[in-house]
C-alpha atoms as a PDB file:
ATOM      1  CA  PRO A   1      22.199   2.021   2.423  1.00  0.00           C
ATOM      2  CA  LEU A   2      18.526   2.707   1.870  1.00  0.00           C
ATOM      3  CA  PHE A   3      15.995   1.517   4.436  1.00  0.00           C
ATOM      4  CA  GLY A   4      12.635  -0.080   3.494  1.00  0.00           C
ATOM      5  CA  ASP A   5      10.521   2.915   2.482  1.00  0.00           C
ATOM      6  CA  GLU A   6      13.475   4.639   0.836  1.00  0.00           C
ATOM      7  CA  ALA A   7      14.147   1.535  -1.238  1.00  0.00           C
ATOM      8  CA  PHE A   8      10.497   1.486  -2.323  1.00  0.00           C
ATOM      9  CA  VAL A   9      10.850   5.075  -3.567  1.00  0.00           C
ATOM     10  CA  ALA A  10      14.012   4.099  -5.459  1.00  0.00           C
ATOM     11  CA  VAL A  11      12.320   1.079  -7.065  1.00  0.00           C
ATOM     12  CA  ASN A  12       9.461   3.264  -8.270  1.00  0.00           C
ATOM     13  CA  LEU A  13      11.947   5.719  -9.765  1.00  0.00           C
ATOM     14  CA  GLN A  14      13.805   2.884 -11.458  1.00  0.00           C
ATOM     15  CA  LEU A  15      10.769   1.126 -12.909  1.00  0.00           C
ATOM     16  CA  ALA A  16       8.588   4.009 -14.045  1.00  0.00           C
ATOM     17  CA  SER A  17       8.871   6.867 -16.488  1.00  0.00           C
ATOM     18  CA  LEU A  18       8.083  10.393 -15.314  1.00  0.00           C
ATOM     19  CA  GLY A  19       4.611  10.141 -16.806  1.00  0.00           C
ATOM     20  CA  GLU A  20       3.985   6.864 -15.018  1.00  0.00           C
ATOM     21  CA  LEU A  21       5.295   8.264 -11.727  1.00  0.00           C
ATOM     22  CA  LEU A  22       2.898  11.181 -11.917  1.00  0.00           C
ATOM     23  CA  GLY A  23      -0.022   9.453 -13.576  1.00  0.00           C
ATOM     24  CA  ARG A  24      -0.567   6.152 -11.819  1.00  0.00           C
ATOM     25  CA  ARG A  25      -0.566   4.577  -8.405  1.00  0.00           C
ATOM     26  CA  LEU A  26       2.949   3.911  -7.171  1.00  0.00           C
ATOM     27  CA  GLU A  27       4.211   0.443  -6.351  1.00  0.00           C
ATOM     28  CA  TYR A  28       4.464  -0.703  -2.710  1.00  0.00           C
ATOM     29  CA  ASP A  29       1.606   1.626  -1.722  1.00  0.00           C
ATOM     30  CA  MET A  30       3.874   4.675  -1.789  1.00  0.00           C
ATOM     31  CA  VAL A  31       2.011   7.996  -1.585  1.00  0.00           C
ATOM     32  CA  LEU A  32       4.314  10.833  -2.601  1.00  0.00           C
ATOM     33  CA  PRO A  33       3.566  14.383  -3.741  1.00  0.00           C
ATOM     34  CA  PRO A  34       4.122  15.025  -7.463  1.00  0.00           C
ATOM     35  CA  GLY A  35       6.566  17.887  -6.819  1.00  0.00           C
ATOM     36  CA  TYR A  36       8.727  15.635  -4.681  1.00  0.00           C
ATOM     37  CA  LEU A  37       8.615  12.874  -7.293  1.00  0.00           C
ATOM     38  CA  LEU A  38       9.607  15.381  -9.970  1.00  0.00           C
ATOM     39  CA  ALA A  39      12.601  16.517  -7.881  1.00  0.00           C
ATOM     40  CA  GLU A  40      13.682  12.922  -7.258  1.00  0.00           C
ATOM     41  CA  TRP A  41      13.227  12.011 -10.908  1.00  0.00           C
ATOM     42  CA  GLY A  42      15.255  15.058 -11.996  1.00  0.00           C
ATOM     43  CA  SER A  43      18.051  14.239  -9.573  1.00  0.00           C
ATOM     44  CA  THR A  44      18.256  10.635 -10.772  1.00  0.00           C
ATOM     45  CA  GLN A  45      18.196  11.751 -14.409  1.00  0.00           C
ATOM     46  CA  LEU A  46      21.109  14.100 -13.789  1.00  0.00           C
ATOM     47  CA  PHE A  47      23.201  11.980 -11.428  1.00  0.00           C
ATOM     48  CA  GLY A  48      22.035   8.381 -11.850  1.00  0.00           C
ATOM     49  CA  LEU A  49      20.071   6.147  -9.524  1.00  0.00           C
ATOM     50  CA  GLY A  50      22.654   6.134  -6.740  1.00  0.00           C
ATOM     51  CA  GLU A  51      22.093   6.811  -3.078  1.00  0.00           C
ATOM     52  CA  ARG A  52      23.604  10.300  -3.193  1.00  0.00           C
ATOM     53  CA  ALA A  53      21.385  11.345  -6.103  1.00  0.00           C
ATOM     54  CA  LEU A  54      18.338   9.993  -4.288  1.00  0.00           C
ATOM     55  CA  ARG A  55      19.179  11.913  -1.111  1.00  0.00           C
ATOM     56  CA  LEU A  56      20.058  15.195  -2.864  1.00  0.00           C
ATOM     57  CA  PRO A  57      16.539  16.718  -3.177  1.00  0.00           C
ATOM     58  CA  ALA A  58      15.825  16.222   0.531  1.00  0.00           C
ATOM     59  CA  LEU A  59      19.248  17.591   1.454  1.00  0.00           C
ATOM     60  CA  LEU A  60      18.690  20.747  -0.592  1.00  0.00           C
ATOM     61  CA  ALA A  61      15.203  21.184   0.874  1.00  0.00           C
ATOM     62  CA  GLY A  62      16.566  20.670   4.395  1.00  0.00           C
ATOM     63  CA  LEU A  63      19.352  23.212   3.902  1.00  0.00           C
ATOM     64  CA  ALA A  64      16.908  25.702   2.409  1.00  0.00           C
ATOM     65  CA  GLY A  65      14.636  25.083   5.394  1.00  0.00           C
ATOM     66  CA  VAL A  66      17.400  25.926   7.868  1.00  0.00           C
ATOM     67  CA  LEU A  67      18.235  29.123   5.971  1.00  0.00           C
ATOM     68  CA  LEU A  68      14.584  30.127   5.788  1.00  0.00           C
ATOM     69  CA  PHE A  69      14.114  29.373   9.480  1.00  0.00           C
ATOM     70  CA  ALA A  70      17.076  31.626  10.290  1.00  0.00           C
ATOM     71  CA  ARG A  71      15.546  34.446   8.239  1.00  0.00           C
ATOM     72  CA  LEU A  72      12.139  33.957   9.828  1.00  0.00           C
ATOM     73  CA  ALA A  73      13.652  33.829  13.321  1.00  0.00           C
ATOM     74  CA  ARG A  74      15.527  37.107  12.745  1.00  0.00           C
ATOM     75  CA  ARG A  75      12.300  38.798  11.652  1.00  0.00           C
ATOM     76  CA  ALA A  76      10.284  37.455  14.574  1.00  0.00           C
ATOM     77  CA  LEU A  77      12.807  37.379  17.433  1.00  0.00           C
ATOM     78  CA  GLY A  78      15.733  39.717  16.823  1.00  0.00           C
ATOM     79  CA  GLU A  79      19.384  38.815  16.307  1.00  0.00           C
ATOM     80  CA  SER A  80      20.402  37.197  19.618  1.00  0.00           C
ATOM     81  CA  ALA A  81      17.294  35.088  20.089  1.00  0.00           C
ATOM     82  CA  ALA A  82      17.310  34.173  16.399  1.00  0.00           C
ATOM     83  CA  LEU A  83      20.857  32.869  16.656  1.00  0.00           C
ATOM     84  CA  ALA A  84      19.900  30.647  19.576  1.00  0.00           C
ATOM     85  CA  ALA A  85      16.698  29.449  17.924  1.00  0.00           C
ATOM     86  CA  THR A  86      18.409  28.733  14.620  1.00  0.00           C
ATOM     87  CA  SER A  87      21.225  26.864  16.348  1.00  0.00           C
ATOM     88  CA  LEU A  88      18.747  24.640  18.168  1.00  0.00           C
ATOM     89  CA  PHE A  89      16.719  24.147  14.994  1.00  0.00           C
ATOM     90  CA  ALA A  90      19.722  23.287  12.829  1.00  0.00           C
ATOM     91  CA  CYS A  91      20.997  20.780  15.407  1.00  0.00           C
ATOM     92  CA  SER A  92      17.594  19.168  15.861  1.00  0.00           C
ATOM     93  CA  TYR A  93      17.633  15.422  15.294  1.00  0.00           C
ATOM     94  CA  TYR A  94      14.611  15.375  12.991  1.00  0.00           C
ATOM     95  CA  VAL A  95      15.694  18.330  10.874  1.00  0.00           C
ATOM     96  CA  GLY A  96      19.007  16.599  10.188  1.00  0.00           C
ATOM     97  CA  ARG A  97      17.574  13.124   9.790  1.00  0.00           C
ATOM     98  CA  HIS A  98      14.805  14.080   7.389  1.00  0.00           C
ATOM     99  CA  ALA A  99      17.195  16.186   5.327  1.00  0.00           C
ATOM    100  CA  VAL A 100      19.003  13.020   4.255  1.00  0.00           C
ATOM    101  CA  GLU A 101      16.093  10.622   3.791  1.00  0.00           C
ATOM    102  CA  VAL A 102      14.690   9.554   0.452  1.00  0.00           C
ATOM    103  CA  LYS A 103      11.265  10.709   1.603  1.00  0.00           C
ATOM    104  CA  PRO A 104       9.452  14.069   1.286  1.00  0.00           C
ATOM    105  CA  TYR A 105       9.735  15.121   4.940  1.00  0.00           C
ATOM    106  CA  ALA A 106      12.308  17.874   4.275  1.00  0.00           C
ATOM    107  CA  PHE A 107       9.948  19.183   1.583  1.00  0.00           C
ATOM    108  CA  ASP A 108       7.204  19.278   4.242  1.00  0.00           C
ATOM    109  CA  LEU A 109       9.435  21.387   6.471  1.00  0.00           C
ATOM    110  CA  LEU A 110      10.381  23.764   3.665  1.00  0.00           C
ATOM    111  CA  ALA A 111       6.792  24.158   2.462  1.00  0.00           C
ATOM    112  CA  SER A 112       5.595  24.891   5.999  1.00  0.00           C
ATOM    113  CA  LEU A 113       8.300  27.475   6.576  1.00  0.00           C
ATOM    114  CA  LEU A 114       7.582  29.134   3.228  1.00  0.00           C
ATOM    115  CA  LEU A 115       3.903  29.473   4.102  1.00  0.00           C
ATOM    116  CA  VAL A 116       4.560  30.816   7.602  1.00  0.00           C
ATOM    117  CA  SER A 117       7.208  33.247   6.384  1.00  0.00           C
ATOM    118  CA  GLU A 118       5.010  34.593   3.622  1.00  0.00           C
ATOM    119  CA  ALA A 119       2.012  34.822   5.972  1.00  0.00           C
ATOM    120  CA  LEU A 120       4.082  36.843   8.422  1.00  0.00           C
ATOM    121  CA  SER A 121       5.011  39.262   5.635  1.00  0.00           C
ATOM    122  CA  VAL A 122       1.357  39.639   4.656  1.00  0.00           C
ATOM    123  CA  ALA A 123       0.214  40.058   8.272  1.00  0.00           C
ATOM    124  CA  GLN A 124       2.845  42.743   8.852  1.00  0.00           C
ATOM    125  CA  GLY A 125       1.743  44.559   5.695  1.00  0.00           C
ATOM    126  CA  ARG A 126       5.137  44.079   4.020  1.00  0.00           C
ATOM    127  CA  ARG A 127       3.755  42.157   1.049  1.00  0.00           C
ATOM    128  CA  ALA A 128       0.590  41.813  -0.952  1.00  0.00           C
ATOM    129  CA  ALA A 129      -1.360  38.618  -0.420  1.00  0.00           C
ATOM    130  CA  THR A 130      -1.152  37.457  -4.036  1.00  0.00           C
ATOM    131  CA  ARG A 131       2.131  35.649  -3.480  1.00  0.00           C
ATOM    132  CA  LEU A 132       0.824  33.871  -0.379  1.00  0.00           C
ATOM    133  CA  VAL A 133      -2.272  32.673  -2.233  1.00  0.00           C
ATOM    134  CA  ALA A 134      -0.157  31.382  -5.139  1.00  0.00           C
ATOM    135  CA  LEU A 135       2.254  29.744  -2.719  1.00  0.00           C
ATOM    136  CA  ALA A 136      -0.603  28.004  -0.885  1.00  0.00           C
ATOM    137  CA  ALA A 137      -1.806  26.553  -4.183  1.00  0.00           C
ATOM    138  CA  LEU A 138       1.702  25.463  -5.220  1.00  0.00           C
ATOM    139  CA  VAL A 139       3.221  23.927  -2.098  1.00  0.00           C
ATOM    140  CA  VAL A 140       0.532  21.277  -1.694  1.00  0.00           C
ATOM    141  CA  TRP A 141       1.946  19.715  -4.870  1.00  0.00           C
ATOM    142  CA  CYS A 142       5.287  19.243  -3.086  1.00  0.00           C
ATOM    143  CA  SER A 143       4.049  18.502   0.428  1.00  0.00           C
ATOM    144  CA  TYR A 144       0.717  17.014   1.423  1.00  0.00           C
ATOM    145  CA  PRO A 145       0.940  18.267   5.043  1.00  0.00           C
ATOM    146  CA  ALA A 146       1.302  21.798   3.652  1.00  0.00           C
ATOM    147  CA  ALA A 147      -2.471  21.755   3.092  1.00  0.00           C
ATOM    148  CA  PHE A 148      -2.911  21.707   6.877  1.00  0.00           C
ATOM    149  CA  VAL A 149      -0.351  24.483   7.344  1.00  0.00           C
ATOM    150  CA  ALA A 150      -2.140  26.566   4.714  1.00  0.00           C
ATOM    151  CA  GLY A 151      -5.370  25.992   6.627  1.00  0.00           C
ATOM    152  CA  ALA A 152      -3.700  27.103   9.855  1.00  0.00           C
ATOM    153  CA  VAL A 153      -2.316  30.199   8.126  1.00  0.00           C
ATOM    154  CA  ALA A 154      -5.812  30.997   6.860  1.00  0.00           C
ATOM    155  CA  LEU A 155      -7.234  30.629  10.380  1.00  0.00           C
ATOM    156  CA  VAL A 156      -4.589  32.966  11.801  1.00  0.00           C
ATOM    157  CA  LEU A 157      -5.322  35.577   9.136  1.00  0.00           C
ATOM    158  CA  VAL A 158      -9.118  35.332   9.327  1.00  0.00           C
ATOM    159  CA  ARG A 159      -9.621  38.167  11.850  1.00  0.00           C
ATOM    160  CA  ALA A 160      -7.222  40.697  10.349  1.00  0.00           C
ATOM    161  CA  ARG A 161      -7.543  39.800   6.661  1.00  0.00           C
ATOM    162  CA  PRO A 162     -10.681  37.666   6.082  1.00  0.00           C
ATOM    163  CA  ARG A 163     -10.553  37.866   2.279  1.00  0.00           C
ATOM    164  CA  VAL A 164      -6.913  36.822   2.255  1.00  0.00           C
ATOM    165  CA  ALA A 165      -7.688  33.974   4.645  1.00  0.00           C
ATOM    166  CA  LEU A 166     -10.474  32.737   2.395  1.00  0.00           C
ATOM    167  CA  ALA A 167      -8.251  32.994  -0.682  1.00  0.00           C
ATOM    168  CA  VAL A 168      -5.362  31.130   0.977  1.00  0.00           C
ATOM    169  CA  GLY A 169      -7.568  28.340   2.288  1.00  0.00           C
ATOM    170  CA  GLY A 170      -9.482  28.115  -0.974  1.00  0.00           C
ATOM    171  CA  ALA A 171      -6.339  28.034  -3.104  1.00  0.00           C
ATOM    172  CA  ALA A 172      -4.779  25.257  -1.050  1.00  0.00           C
ATOM    173  CA  LEU A 173      -7.982  23.245  -0.969  1.00  0.00           C
ATOM    174  CA  ALA A 174      -8.715  23.660  -4.672  1.00  0.00           C
ATOM    175  CA  SER A 175      -5.167  22.734  -5.606  1.00  0.00           C
ATOM    176  CA  PHE A 176      -5.075  19.803  -3.195  1.00  0.00           C
ATOM    177  CA  LEU A 177      -8.278  18.304  -4.541  1.00  0.00           C
END
């Protein structure tokens, strides 16, 4: 069964068209990122307005988050430590819980991990910054807290790559506004 806030998300999906979901204030004072609403709307269009369809986008984001965390941990820690870290992460109460809620929290996790992973690649000189800047502008449409993570990424990069830091922070801010 859906709990209070989840039910409010479901009611909004049931009562509004995609244009209405993205273009007006949601019922029950729900504040949800457009990318998350689009994923929920797509899932309910494909599979109906059932509980499983409503939980599917968060589940996919949560699973992707665990896989991305494992990749990031291997790059930062090495194989043995990464296995331990990923095991703890995957078994974490909140990672599991938010991966099955009809709320955007698993999207927040995925967006944060995407930004940190890409920033690590840029900081290590393995990738050009263009992708990180584009990602910073995009993820805030799927996760509002990602704006803060993008700001943190910009602050971390400011000494080594000041132009990149300014571009990342500016892209996230401009897109968020």
